[in-house]
Amino acid sequence: MWNDIKIEDVCTKGCLERNRTQTIEFYNQRRIELGSKEPNYAHKVISQLKNKYPQNIAIITQNVDDMFEKAGCEEIIHLHGFIRNIRCMRDSCAYKEDIGYAPQDNTKRCPVCNKTLRPDVVFFYERAPQYKHLHAELMNCEMIVVIGTSGLVIDTDMLKLSKIKYSILNNTEPSSYIDDKLFSKVIYAPATNAIDEIAKDIELFLAKRHKLV
């Protein structure tokens, strides 16, 4: 996809002012494509765990898709936005609307303040309001599982400063941006292959720490 489209044209701060029509169309296409996609086995197992232990597990994703929602879990922290939503261009306005997999009507304006609307996606160099929830969860976290990240956007060295007692890294291969020695366990395999082992570790940890299992 990025061979034909430049990141700075459609997902970098200011692209809506410089290149609104192409930017809106880009996310329209991503939204339409998302409608036919289904969650994989890992999404389903993680969602089942969250629903089983809603007060003890937080799911935090850098992805803007709705795979966890399709897998049956609604309480997700989307760090970089949620592509089904459109929101007001004015940061101080809280208006958001879930338009599903439909294209955004580029003529529609915010019903609250009459500003233009935009995809609810955090572009590069924009403020990411949901990071405050990430930091809050990390402050109270005893176990963390990191799945499928290069470590380029969020620095996993944060584990050095945390009080986390047990940590798992699951990637398909090592990344130069991640110090895997910081983790209690490292699994280099597709998430769909590793998730059963990870789920067992989570349940065992909860059983030992909180006698929930």
N, C-alpha and C. Protein backbone atom coordinates (compact mmCIF):
# COMPACT_ATOMS: atom_id res chain seq x y z
N MET A 1 0.82 -1.20 0.00
CA MET A 1 0.00 0.00 0.00
C MET A 1 0.86 1.27 0.00
N TRP A 2 1.92 1.25 0.83
CA TRP A 2 2.75 2.45 0.95
C TRP A 2 3.70 2.62 -0.22
N ASN A 3 3.71 1.68 -1.16
CA ASN A 3 4.47 1.89 -2.39
C ASN A 3 3.79 2.90 -3.30
N ASP A 4 2.47 3.03 -3.14
CA ASP A 4 1.69 3.92 -4.01
C ASP A 4 1.26 5.20 -3.32
N ILE A 5 1.27 5.20 -2.00
CA ILE A 5 0.79 6.36 -1.24
C ILE A 5 1.86 6.78 -0.24
N LYS A 6 2.12 8.07 -0.16
CA LYS A 6 3.11 8.59 0.78
C LYS A 6 2.48 8.82 2.14
N ILE A 7 3.17 8.37 3.19
CA ILE A 7 2.66 8.52 4.55
C ILE A 7 2.39 9.98 4.87
N GLU A 8 3.28 10.87 4.43
CA GLU A 8 3.11 12.28 4.75
C GLU A 8 1.89 12.90 4.08
N ASP A 9 1.37 12.24 3.03
CA ASP A 9 0.21 12.78 2.31
C ASP A 9 -1.11 12.47 3.00
N VAL A 10 -1.16 11.34 3.74
CA VAL A 10 -2.46 10.91 4.27
C VAL A 10 -2.47 10.59 5.76
N CYS A 11 -1.34 10.56 6.43
CA CYS A 11 -1.38 10.26 7.86
C CYS A 11 -0.27 10.97 8.66
N THR A 12 0.00 12.19 8.27
CA THR A 12 0.93 13.02 9.01
C THR A 12 0.23 14.33 9.38
N LYS A 13 0.52 14.86 10.53
CA LYS A 13 -0.13 16.08 11.01
C LYS A 13 -0.18 17.15 9.92
N GLY A 14 -1.37 17.70 9.69
CA GLY A 14 -1.56 18.73 8.69
C GLY A 14 -2.04 18.22 7.35
N CYS A 15 -2.11 16.88 7.18
CA CYS A 15 -2.49 16.35 5.87
C CYS A 15 -3.94 16.69 5.50
N LEU A 16 -4.79 16.88 6.48
CA LEU A 16 -6.17 17.24 6.17
C LEU A 16 -6.27 18.67 5.63
N GLU A 17 -5.38 19.53 6.09
CA GLU A 17 -5.36 20.89 5.57
C GLU A 17 -4.71 20.93 4.19
N ARG A 18 -3.68 20.14 3.99
CA ARG A 18 -2.94 20.16 2.73
C ARG A 18 -3.59 19.29 1.66
N ASN A 19 -4.23 18.21 2.08
CA ASN A 19 -4.58 17.15 1.13
C ASN A 19 -5.86 16.45 1.58
N ARG A 20 -6.89 17.23 1.87
CA ARG A 20 -8.09 16.68 2.52
C ARG A 20 -8.78 15.60 1.69
N THR A 21 -8.99 15.85 0.40
CA THR A 21 -9.75 14.91 -0.41
C THR A 21 -9.09 13.54 -0.46
N GLN A 22 -7.77 13.49 -0.71
CA GLN A 22 -7.08 12.21 -0.77
C GLN A 22 -7.04 11.53 0.59
N THR A 23 -6.87 12.32 1.66
CA THR A 23 -6.83 11.75 3.00
C THR A 23 -8.16 11.11 3.37
N ILE A 24 -9.26 11.82 3.14
CA ILE A 24 -10.58 11.26 3.45
C ILE A 24 -10.82 10.00 2.63
N GLU A 25 -10.47 10.02 1.36
CA GLU A 25 -10.67 8.85 0.50
C GLU A 25 -9.83 7.67 0.95
N PHE A 26 -8.61 7.93 1.40
CA PHE A 26 -7.73 6.86 1.88
C PHE A 26 -8.39 6.12 3.05
N TYR A 27 -8.92 6.86 4.02
CA TYR A 27 -9.54 6.21 5.17
C TYR A 27 -10.91 5.64 4.84
N ASN A 28 -11.59 6.22 3.85
CA ASN A 28 -12.82 5.59 3.36
C ASN A 28 -12.54 4.18 2.85
N GLN A 29 -11.48 4.04 2.08
CA GLN A 29 -11.13 2.73 1.54
C GLN A 29 -10.73 1.76 2.64
N ARG A 30 -9.98 2.22 3.62
CA ARG A 30 -9.58 1.33 4.72
C ARG A 30 -10.82 0.88 5.49
N ARG A 31 -11.76 1.77 5.70
CA ARG A 31 -12.98 1.46 6.44
C ARG A 31 -13.83 0.43 5.68
N ILE A 32 -13.96 0.65 4.37
CA ILE A 32 -14.73 -0.28 3.54
C ILE A 32 -14.09 -1.67 3.56
N GLU A 33 -12.76 -1.72 3.42
CA GLU A 33 -12.05 -3.00 3.43
C GLU A 33 -12.21 -3.71 4.77
N LEU A 34 -12.24 -2.95 5.84
CA LEU A 34 -12.34 -3.53 7.18
C LEU A 34 -13.63 -4.30 7.37
N GLY A 35 -14.68 -3.88 6.68
CA GLY A 35 -15.97 -4.53 6.84
C GLY A 35 -15.96 -6.01 6.54
N SER A 36 -15.09 -6.45 5.65
CA SER A 36 -15.05 -7.86 5.27
C SER A 36 -14.00 -8.66 6.04
N LYS A 37 -13.25 -8.02 6.92
CA LYS A 37 -12.20 -8.70 7.66
C LYS A 37 -12.74 -9.31 8.95
N GLU A 38 -12.13 -10.43 9.36
CA GLU A 38 -12.57 -11.13 10.55
C GLU A 38 -11.41 -11.27 11.54
N PRO A 39 -11.72 -11.30 12.83
CA PRO A 39 -10.65 -11.48 13.83
C PRO A 39 -10.03 -12.86 13.72
N ASN A 40 -8.76 -12.96 14.10
CA ASN A 40 -8.11 -14.26 14.08
C ASN A 40 -8.25 -14.94 15.45
N TYR A 41 -7.65 -16.10 15.56
CA TYR A 41 -7.78 -16.90 16.78
C TYR A 41 -7.24 -16.15 18.00
N ALA A 42 -6.15 -15.42 17.83
CA ALA A 42 -5.56 -14.68 18.95
C ALA A 42 -6.50 -13.59 19.44
N HIS A 43 -7.12 -12.84 18.52
CA HIS A 43 -8.11 -11.83 18.92
C HIS A 43 -9.21 -12.47 19.77
N LYS A 44 -9.66 -13.63 19.36
CA LYS A 44 -10.78 -14.29 20.04
C LYS A 44 -10.39 -14.75 21.44
N VAL A 45 -9.20 -15.33 21.58
CA VAL A 45 -8.76 -15.80 22.90
C VAL A 45 -8.55 -14.63 23.85
N ILE A 46 -7.93 -13.56 23.35
CA ILE A 46 -7.70 -12.38 24.19
C ILE A 46 -9.03 -11.78 24.63
N SER A 47 -9.99 -11.70 23.71
CA SER A 47 -11.30 -11.15 24.04
C SER A 47 -12.03 -12.02 25.07
N GLN A 48 -11.90 -13.34 24.95
CA GLN A 48 -12.51 -14.23 25.92
C GLN A 48 -11.93 -14.03 27.32
N LEU A 49 -10.61 -13.83 27.37
CA LEU A 49 -9.96 -13.59 28.66
C LEU A 49 -10.44 -12.28 29.28
N LYS A 50 -10.54 -11.25 28.45
CA LYS A 50 -11.01 -9.95 28.94
C LYS A 50 -12.43 -10.06 29.48
N ASN A 51 -13.28 -10.77 28.77
CA ASN A 51 -14.67 -10.93 29.22
C ASN A 51 -14.77 -11.80 30.47
N LYS A 52 -13.83 -12.73 30.63
CA LYS A 52 -13.83 -13.61 31.81
C LYS A 52 -13.33 -12.87 33.05
N TYR A 53 -12.33 -11.98 32.85
CA TYR A 53 -11.73 -11.23 33.96
C TYR A 53 -11.78 -9.73 33.66
N PRO A 54 -12.97 -9.15 33.56
CA PRO A 54 -13.08 -7.76 33.11
C PRO A 54 -12.40 -6.74 34.01
N GLN A 55 -12.31 -7.04 35.31
CA GLN A 55 -11.69 -6.09 36.24
C GLN A 55 -10.19 -6.27 36.37
N ASN A 56 -9.65 -7.32 35.78
CA ASN A 56 -8.24 -7.65 35.98
C ASN A 56 -7.39 -7.54 34.72
N ILE A 57 -8.05 -7.39 33.56
CA ILE A 57 -7.32 -7.35 32.29
C ILE A 57 -7.72 -6.10 31.52
N ALA A 58 -6.72 -5.40 31.00
CA ALA A 58 -6.95 -4.27 30.08
C ALA A 58 -6.35 -4.63 28.73
N ILE A 59 -7.11 -4.41 27.67
CA ILE A 59 -6.59 -4.60 26.31
C ILE A 59 -6.28 -3.24 25.74
N ILE A 60 -5.03 -3.04 25.37
CA ILE A 60 -4.57 -1.76 24.82
C ILE A 60 -3.98 -2.05 23.45
N THR A 61 -4.49 -1.41 22.42
CA THR A 61 -3.99 -1.69 21.08
C THR A 61 -3.54 -0.42 20.36
N GLN A 62 -2.50 -0.57 19.54
CA GLN A 62 -2.06 0.50 18.67
C GLN A 62 -2.84 0.49 17.35
N ASN A 63 -3.60 -0.58 17.12
CA ASN A 63 -4.34 -0.72 15.86
C ASN A 63 -5.64 0.08 15.90
N VAL A 64 -6.07 0.56 14.73
CA VAL A 64 -7.30 1.35 14.65
C VAL A 64 -8.48 0.51 14.16
N ASP A 65 -8.27 -0.79 13.96
CA ASP A 65 -9.33 -1.65 13.46
C ASP A 65 -10.28 -2.09 14.58
N ASP A 66 -11.26 -2.91 14.23
CA ASP A 66 -12.25 -3.36 15.21
C ASP A 66 -12.23 -4.88 15.38
N MET A 67 -11.04 -5.48 15.28
CA MET A 67 -10.97 -6.93 15.39
C MET A 67 -11.36 -7.43 16.78
N PHE A 68 -10.99 -6.72 17.83
CA PHE A 68 -11.39 -7.15 19.17
C PHE A 68 -12.89 -6.98 19.37
N GLU A 69 -13.44 -5.90 18.82
CA GLU A 69 -14.88 -5.71 18.91
C GLU A 69 -15.62 -6.83 18.17
N LYS A 70 -15.13 -7.19 17.00
CA LYS A 70 -15.75 -8.29 16.26
C LYS A 70 -15.59 -9.62 16.99
N ALA A 71 -14.54 -9.73 17.79
CA ALA A 71 -14.32 -10.97 18.55
C ALA A 71 -15.16 -11.01 19.82
N GLY A 72 -15.96 -9.96 20.06
CA GLY A 72 -16.89 -10.00 21.18
C GLY A 72 -16.49 -9.20 22.39
N CYS A 73 -15.50 -8.32 22.26
CA CYS A 73 -15.05 -7.50 23.39
C CYS A 73 -15.20 -6.03 23.04
N GLU A 74 -15.82 -5.27 23.92
CA GLU A 74 -16.09 -3.86 23.64
C GLU A 74 -15.18 -2.91 24.40
N GLU A 75 -14.63 -3.35 25.51
CA GLU A 75 -13.83 -2.44 26.35
C GLU A 75 -12.36 -2.48 25.92
N ILE A 76 -12.04 -1.69 24.91
CA ILE A 76 -10.70 -1.66 24.33
C ILE A 76 -10.16 -0.23 24.39
N ILE A 77 -8.90 -0.08 24.75
CA ILE A 77 -8.25 1.22 24.68
C ILE A 77 -7.53 1.29 23.34
N HIS A 78 -8.03 2.12 22.44
CA HIS A 78 -7.43 2.31 21.12
C HIS A 78 -6.49 3.52 21.18
N LEU A 79 -5.20 3.26 21.30
CA LEU A 79 -4.24 4.35 21.49
C LEU A 79 -4.20 5.32 20.32
N HIS A 80 -4.40 4.82 19.12
CA HIS A 80 -4.23 5.66 17.93
C HIS A 80 -5.54 5.89 17.19
N GLY A 81 -6.65 5.77 17.91
CA GLY A 81 -7.95 6.05 17.31
C GLY A 81 -8.67 4.79 16.87
N PHE A 82 -9.86 5.02 16.30
CA PHE A 82 -10.75 3.93 15.91
C PHE A 82 -11.33 4.30 14.55
N ILE A 83 -10.98 3.53 13.53
CA ILE A 83 -11.25 3.95 12.16
C ILE A 83 -12.73 4.01 11.82
N ARG A 84 -13.57 3.30 12.55
CA ARG A 84 -15.02 3.39 12.28
C ARG A 84 -15.59 4.75 12.68
N ASN A 85 -14.88 5.45 13.56
CA ASN A 85 -15.37 6.74 14.02
C ASN A 85 -14.92 7.88 13.11
N ILE A 86 -15.77 8.91 13.04
CA ILE A 86 -15.33 10.22 12.59
C ILE A 86 -15.51 11.16 13.77
N ARG A 87 -14.71 12.21 13.81
CA ARG A 87 -14.79 13.14 14.93
C ARG A 87 -14.62 14.58 14.44
N CYS A 88 -14.93 15.50 15.33
CA CYS A 88 -14.81 16.92 15.00
C CYS A 88 -13.35 17.32 14.87
N MET A 89 -13.08 18.22 13.93
CA MET A 89 -11.72 18.72 13.74
C MET A 89 -11.26 19.57 14.93
N ARG A 90 -12.20 20.12 15.67
CA ARG A 90 -11.84 20.95 16.83
C ARG A 90 -11.54 20.04 18.02
N ASP A 91 -10.32 20.11 18.53
CA ASP A 91 -9.92 19.21 19.61
C ASP A 91 -10.75 19.39 20.87
N SER A 92 -11.24 20.60 21.11
CA SER A 92 -12.01 20.86 22.32
C SER A 92 -13.45 20.36 22.22
N CYS A 93 -13.86 19.94 21.03
CA CYS A 93 -15.21 19.40 20.83
C CYS A 93 -15.16 17.88 20.96
N ALA A 94 -16.07 17.32 21.72
CA ALA A 94 -16.03 15.88 22.01
C ALA A 94 -16.85 15.05 21.03
N TYR A 95 -17.38 15.67 19.97
CA TYR A 95 -18.27 14.93 19.08
C TYR A 95 -17.55 13.83 18.32
N LYS A 96 -18.12 12.61 18.39
CA LYS A 96 -17.67 11.47 17.62
C LYS A 96 -18.89 10.71 17.13
N GLU A 97 -18.72 10.04 16.02
CA GLU A 97 -19.81 9.24 15.47
C GLU A 97 -19.25 7.98 14.83
N ASP A 98 -19.84 6.84 15.17
CA ASP A 98 -19.46 5.57 14.57
C ASP A 98 -20.25 5.41 13.27
N ILE A 99 -19.56 5.45 12.14
CA ILE A 99 -20.23 5.31 10.84
C ILE A 99 -20.03 3.92 10.26
N GLY A 100 -19.55 3.00 11.08
CA GLY A 100 -19.37 1.62 10.62
C GLY A 100 -18.34 1.54 9.51
N TYR A 101 -18.73 0.93 8.42
CA TYR A 101 -17.79 0.71 7.31
C TYR A 101 -18.15 1.57 6.10
N ALA A 102 -18.94 2.58 6.34
CA ALA A 102 -19.39 3.47 5.26
C ALA A 102 -18.35 4.56 5.00
N PRO A 103 -18.32 5.12 3.80
CA PRO A 103 -17.43 6.25 3.53
C PRO A 103 -17.92 7.50 4.26
N GLN A 104 -16.98 8.33 4.65
CA GLN A 104 -17.33 9.59 5.30
C GLN A 104 -17.93 10.56 4.28
N ASP A 105 -19.04 11.19 4.66
CA ASP A 105 -19.64 12.23 3.84
C ASP A 105 -18.83 13.50 4.04
N ASN A 106 -18.06 13.88 3.03
CA ASN A 106 -17.12 15.00 3.18
C ASN A 106 -17.82 16.35 3.28
N THR A 107 -19.14 16.38 3.06
CA THR A 107 -19.87 17.63 3.16
C THR A 107 -20.51 17.81 4.54
N LYS A 108 -20.58 16.73 5.32
CA LYS A 108 -21.22 16.80 6.63
C LYS A 108 -20.34 17.55 7.62
N ARG A 109 -20.97 18.36 8.47
CA ARG A 109 -20.24 19.12 9.46
C ARG A 109 -20.67 18.69 10.86
N CYS A 110 -19.87 19.08 11.84
CA CYS A 110 -20.14 18.70 13.22
C CYS A 110 -21.48 19.28 13.67
N PRO A 111 -22.39 18.45 14.18
CA PRO A 111 -23.70 18.95 14.62
C PRO A 111 -23.62 19.77 15.91
N VAL A 112 -22.46 19.74 16.57
CA VAL A 112 -22.30 20.48 17.82
C VAL A 112 -21.75 21.88 17.58
N CYS A 113 -20.68 21.97 16.76
CA CYS A 113 -20.03 23.27 16.59
C CYS A 113 -19.88 23.71 15.14
N ASN A 114 -20.35 22.87 14.22
CA ASN A 114 -20.35 23.19 12.78
C ASN A 114 -18.96 23.17 12.15
N LYS A 115 -17.97 22.63 12.83
CA LYS A 115 -16.66 22.46 12.22
C LYS A 115 -16.68 21.25 11.28
N THR A 116 -15.67 21.14 10.44
CA THR A 116 -15.58 19.96 9.58
C THR A 116 -15.22 18.73 10.40
N LEU A 117 -15.46 17.57 9.81
CA LEU A 117 -15.20 16.29 10.47
C LEU A 117 -14.00 15.60 9.85
N ARG A 118 -13.45 14.64 10.58
CA ARG A 118 -12.25 13.93 10.13
C ARG A 118 -12.28 12.50 10.64
N PRO A 119 -11.46 11.62 10.06
CA PRO A 119 -11.33 10.27 10.62
C PRO A 119 -10.77 10.33 12.04
N ASP A 120 -11.25 9.47 12.90
CA ASP A 120 -10.79 9.42 14.29
C ASP A 120 -9.53 8.56 14.38
N VAL A 121 -8.49 9.04 13.73
CA VAL A 121 -7.20 8.35 13.68
C VAL A 121 -6.12 9.35 14.06
N VAL A 122 -5.18 8.93 14.90
CA VAL A 122 -4.08 9.80 15.30
C VAL A 122 -3.00 9.77 14.22
N PHE A 123 -2.75 10.90 13.60
CA PHE A 123 -1.71 11.00 12.59
C PHE A 123 -0.35 11.17 13.26
N PHE A 124 0.70 10.87 12.51
CA PHE A 124 2.06 11.08 13.03
C PHE A 124 2.23 12.54 13.45
N TYR A 125 2.84 12.74 14.62
CA TYR A 125 3.14 14.05 15.21
C TYR A 125 1.91 14.73 15.81
N GLU A 126 0.78 14.04 15.85
CA GLU A 126 -0.39 14.57 16.55
C GLU A 126 -0.39 14.07 17.99
N ARG A 127 -1.08 14.79 18.84
CA ARG A 127 -1.26 14.39 20.23
C ARG A 127 -2.12 13.12 20.27
N ALA A 128 -1.77 12.20 21.16
CA ALA A 128 -2.51 10.94 21.31
C ALA A 128 -3.13 10.91 22.70
N PRO A 129 -4.37 11.38 22.84
CA PRO A 129 -4.98 11.52 24.17
C PRO A 129 -5.08 10.23 24.97
N GLN A 130 -5.20 9.09 24.27
CA GLN A 130 -5.39 7.82 24.98
C GLN A 130 -4.13 7.32 25.68
N TYR A 131 -3.00 7.96 25.44
CA TYR A 131 -1.77 7.53 26.10
C TYR A 131 -1.86 7.70 27.62
N LYS A 132 -2.68 8.62 28.06
CA LYS A 132 -2.84 8.79 29.51
C LYS A 132 -3.42 7.51 30.13
N HIS A 133 -4.27 6.82 29.38
CA HIS A 133 -4.83 5.56 29.89
C HIS A 133 -3.77 4.45 29.88
N LEU A 134 -2.91 4.46 28.87
CA LEU A 134 -1.80 3.51 28.84
C LEU A 134 -0.93 3.69 30.08
N HIS A 135 -0.56 4.92 30.36
CA HIS A 135 0.32 5.19 31.51
C HIS A 135 -0.37 4.83 32.82
N ALA A 136 -1.67 5.09 32.92
CA ALA A 136 -2.40 4.75 34.14
C ALA A 136 -2.43 3.24 34.35
N GLU A 137 -2.65 2.49 33.27
CA GLU A 137 -2.67 1.03 33.38
C GLU A 137 -1.30 0.48 33.78
N LEU A 138 -0.24 1.05 33.21
CA LEU A 138 1.11 0.58 33.52
C LEU A 138 1.47 0.84 34.98
N MET A 139 0.94 1.91 35.54
CA MET A 139 1.23 2.23 36.94
C MET A 139 0.70 1.16 37.88
N ASN A 140 -0.39 0.49 37.47
CA ASN A 140 -1.03 -0.52 38.33
C ASN A 140 -0.86 -1.94 37.81
N CYS A 141 -0.01 -2.11 36.81
CA CYS A 141 0.11 -3.39 36.12
C CYS A 141 1.06 -4.33 36.85
N GLU A 142 0.64 -5.59 37.01
CA GLU A 142 1.50 -6.61 37.59
C GLU A 142 2.05 -7.57 36.54
N MET A 143 1.29 -7.75 35.46
CA MET A 143 1.72 -8.61 34.36
C MET A 143 1.39 -7.91 33.04
N ILE A 144 2.32 -7.95 32.10
CA ILE A 144 2.09 -7.34 30.79
C ILE A 144 2.43 -8.33 29.69
N VAL A 145 1.60 -8.35 28.66
CA VAL A 145 1.85 -9.17 27.48
C VAL A 145 1.91 -8.22 26.29
N VAL A 146 3.02 -8.24 25.58
CA VAL A 146 3.22 -7.38 24.41
C VAL A 146 3.20 -8.28 23.18
N ILE A 147 2.27 -8.02 22.28
CA ILE A 147 2.10 -8.88 21.10
C ILE A 147 2.17 -8.05 19.83
N GLY A 148 3.04 -8.46 18.93
CA GLY A 148 3.04 -7.93 17.57
C GLY A 148 3.39 -6.46 17.45
N THR A 149 4.53 -6.06 17.98
CA THR A 149 4.96 -4.66 17.84
C THR A 149 6.44 -4.60 17.51
N SER A 150 6.81 -3.59 16.72
CA SER A 150 8.23 -3.39 16.40
C SER A 150 8.96 -2.70 17.54
N GLY A 151 8.20 -2.03 18.43
CA GLY A 151 8.83 -1.24 19.48
C GLY A 151 9.24 0.13 19.01
N LEU A 152 8.95 0.47 17.77
CA LEU A 152 9.37 1.75 17.21
C LEU A 152 8.50 2.90 17.69
N VAL A 153 7.18 2.65 17.84
CA VAL A 153 6.27 3.72 18.24
C VAL A 153 6.21 3.86 19.75
N ILE A 154 6.06 2.75 20.46
CA ILE A 154 6.04 2.76 21.92
C ILE A 154 7.27 2.02 22.42
N ASP A 155 8.07 2.68 23.22
CA ASP A 155 9.33 2.14 23.70
C ASP A 155 9.08 1.13 24.82
N THR A 156 9.39 -0.12 24.57
CA THR A 156 9.17 -1.15 25.60
C THR A 156 10.20 -1.10 26.72
N ASP A 157 11.20 -0.24 26.60
CA ASP A 157 12.15 -0.06 27.70
C ASP A 157 11.48 0.53 28.94
N MET A 158 10.21 0.96 28.78
CA MET A 158 9.46 1.45 29.92
C MET A 158 9.37 0.40 31.03
N LEU A 159 9.58 -0.87 30.65
CA LEU A 159 9.52 -1.94 31.65
C LEU A 159 10.58 -1.76 32.73
N LYS A 160 11.68 -1.07 32.40
CA LYS A 160 12.74 -0.83 33.38
C LYS A 160 12.24 0.01 34.55
N LEU A 161 11.25 0.86 34.27
CA LEU A 161 10.77 1.81 35.27
C LEU A 161 9.49 1.35 35.96
N SER A 162 9.00 0.19 35.56
CA SER A 162 7.71 -0.26 36.08
C SER A 162 7.88 -1.24 37.23
N LYS A 163 6.76 -1.55 37.85
CA LYS A 163 6.73 -2.53 38.94
C LYS A 163 6.14 -3.86 38.48
N ILE A 164 6.19 -4.09 37.17
CA ILE A 164 5.62 -5.29 36.59
C ILE A 164 6.39 -6.53 37.07
N LYS A 165 5.66 -7.53 37.53
CA LYS A 165 6.30 -8.72 38.09
C LYS A 165 6.56 -9.80 37.04
N TYR A 166 5.75 -9.82 35.98
CA TYR A 166 5.92 -10.85 34.95
C TYR A 166 5.54 -10.26 33.60
N SER A 167 6.35 -10.55 32.59
CA SER A 167 6.12 -9.94 31.27
C SER A 167 6.39 -10.95 30.16
N ILE A 168 5.59 -10.87 29.12
CA ILE A 168 5.74 -11.76 27.96
C ILE A 168 5.83 -10.91 26.70
N LEU A 169 6.77 -11.23 25.84
CA LEU A 169 6.87 -10.62 24.52
C LEU A 169 6.58 -11.69 23.48
N ASN A 170 5.65 -11.39 22.59
CA ASN A 170 5.35 -12.30 21.48
C ASN A 170 5.41 -11.53 20.17
N ASN A 171 6.43 -11.80 19.39
CA ASN A 171 6.60 -11.25 18.05
C ASN A 171 6.96 -12.40 17.11
N THR A 172 6.84 -12.16 15.82
CA THR A 172 7.25 -13.20 14.87
C THR A 172 8.76 -13.30 14.77
N GLU A 173 9.47 -12.20 15.09
CA GLU A 173 10.93 -12.19 14.99
C GLU A 173 11.48 -11.08 15.88
N PRO A 174 12.77 -11.12 16.21
CA PRO A 174 13.36 -10.05 17.03
C PRO A 174 13.30 -8.70 16.32
N SER A 175 13.27 -7.64 17.12
CA SER A 175 13.30 -6.27 16.60
C SER A 175 14.47 -5.53 17.24
N SER A 176 15.15 -4.74 16.46
CA SER A 176 16.29 -3.97 16.97
C SER A 176 15.83 -2.88 17.95
N TYR A 177 14.53 -2.60 17.98
CA TYR A 177 14.00 -1.56 18.86
C TYR A 177 13.53 -2.11 20.20
N ILE A 178 13.61 -3.42 20.37
CA ILE A 178 13.13 -4.05 21.60
C ILE A 178 14.25 -4.81 22.28
N ASP A 179 14.46 -4.53 23.54
CA ASP A 179 15.41 -5.29 24.35
C ASP A 179 14.64 -6.46 24.97
N ASP A 180 14.69 -7.61 24.32
CA ASP A 180 13.87 -8.73 24.80
C ASP A 180 14.37 -9.32 26.11
N LYS A 181 15.56 -8.91 26.55
CA LYS A 181 16.06 -9.39 27.84
C LYS A 181 15.27 -8.78 29.00
N LEU A 182 14.50 -7.75 28.72
CA LEU A 182 13.68 -7.14 29.77
C LEU A 182 12.46 -7.98 30.12
N PHE A 183 12.13 -8.95 29.27
CA PHE A 183 10.91 -9.72 29.44
C PHE A 183 11.18 -11.04 30.17
N SER A 184 10.20 -11.46 30.95
CA SER A 184 10.31 -12.73 31.66
C SER A 184 10.28 -13.90 30.70
N LYS A 185 9.46 -13.79 29.65
CA LYS A 185 9.35 -14.84 28.64
C LYS A 185 9.26 -14.19 27.26
N VAL A 186 9.91 -14.81 26.29
CA VAL A 186 9.87 -14.32 24.91
C VAL A 186 9.45 -15.48 24.01
N ILE A 187 8.45 -15.22 23.17
CA ILE A 187 7.95 -16.24 22.23
C ILE A 187 8.01 -15.64 20.83
N TYR A 188 8.90 -16.16 20.00
CA TYR A 188 8.97 -15.71 18.61
C TYR A 188 8.18 -16.70 17.75
N ALA A 189 6.94 -16.32 17.48
CA ALA A 189 6.02 -17.15 16.70
C ALA A 189 4.81 -16.30 16.36
N PRO A 190 4.03 -16.68 15.36
CA PRO A 190 2.79 -15.95 15.10
C PRO A 190 1.89 -15.97 16.33
N ALA A 191 1.15 -14.89 16.55
CA ALA A 191 0.30 -14.79 17.73
C ALA A 191 -0.72 -15.92 17.79
N THR A 192 -1.22 -16.34 16.63
CA THR A 192 -2.21 -17.41 16.62
C THR A 192 -1.62 -18.74 17.11
N ASN A 193 -0.30 -18.90 16.97
CA ASN A 193 0.36 -20.11 17.47
C ASN A 193 0.74 -19.99 18.95
N ALA A 194 1.01 -18.77 19.38
CA ALA A 194 1.52 -18.56 20.74
C ALA A 194 0.43 -18.30 21.77
N ILE A 195 -0.78 -17.94 21.31
CA ILE A 195 -1.77 -17.40 22.24
C ILE A 195 -2.26 -18.40 23.27
N ASP A 196 -2.32 -19.68 22.96
CA ASP A 196 -2.77 -20.66 23.96
C ASP A 196 -1.80 -20.72 25.13
N GLU A 197 -0.50 -20.72 24.83
CA GLU A 197 0.50 -20.72 25.89
C GLU A 197 0.41 -19.43 26.71
N ILE A 198 0.23 -18.31 26.02
CA ILE A 198 0.10 -17.03 26.71
C ILE A 198 -1.13 -17.01 27.61
N ALA A 199 -2.24 -17.53 27.11
CA ALA A 199 -3.48 -17.57 27.90
C ALA A 199 -3.30 -18.41 29.16
N LYS A 200 -2.61 -19.52 29.04
CA LYS A 200 -2.35 -20.36 30.22
C LYS A 200 -1.51 -19.61 31.25
N ASP A 201 -0.51 -18.88 30.77
CA ASP A 201 0.34 -18.11 31.68
C ASP A 201 -0.47 -17.02 32.40
N ILE A 202 -1.38 -16.38 31.67
CA ILE A 202 -2.21 -15.35 32.28
C ILE A 202 -3.10 -15.94 33.36
N GLU A 203 -3.74 -17.05 33.04
CA GLU A 203 -4.64 -17.68 34.02
C GLU A 203 -3.85 -18.16 35.24
N LEU A 204 -2.66 -18.71 35.02
CA LEU A 204 -1.83 -19.17 36.14
C LEU A 204 -1.40 -17.99 37.00
N PHE A 205 -1.03 -16.89 36.37
CA PHE A 205 -0.61 -15.71 37.13
C PHE A 205 -1.76 -15.18 37.98
N LEU A 206 -2.95 -15.11 37.38
CA LEU A 206 -4.12 -14.63 38.14
C LEU A 206 -4.44 -15.58 39.29
N ALA A 207 -4.29 -16.86 39.07
CA ALA A 207 -4.57 -17.84 40.12
C ALA A 207 -3.62 -17.67 41.31
N LYS A 208 -2.36 -17.43 41.01
CA LYS A 208 -1.37 -17.29 42.07
C LYS A 208 -1.47 -15.96 42.80
N ARG A 209 -1.72 -14.88 42.02
CA ARG A 209 -1.71 -13.55 42.60
C ARG A 209 -3.04 -13.18 43.26
N HIS A 210 -4.13 -13.62 42.65
CA HIS A 210 -5.43 -13.12 43.11
C HIS A 210 -6.43 -14.22 43.42
N LYS A 211 -6.01 -15.49 43.22
CA LYS A 211 -6.89 -16.62 43.49
C LYS A 211 -8.23 -16.46 42.76
N LEU A 212 -8.14 -16.08 41.48
CA LEU A 212 -9.34 -15.87 40.68
C LEU A 212 -9.70 -17.10 39.85
N VAL A 213 -8.78 -18.04 39.72
CA VAL A 213 -9.03 -19.20 38.84
C VAL A 213 -9.29 -20.43 39.70
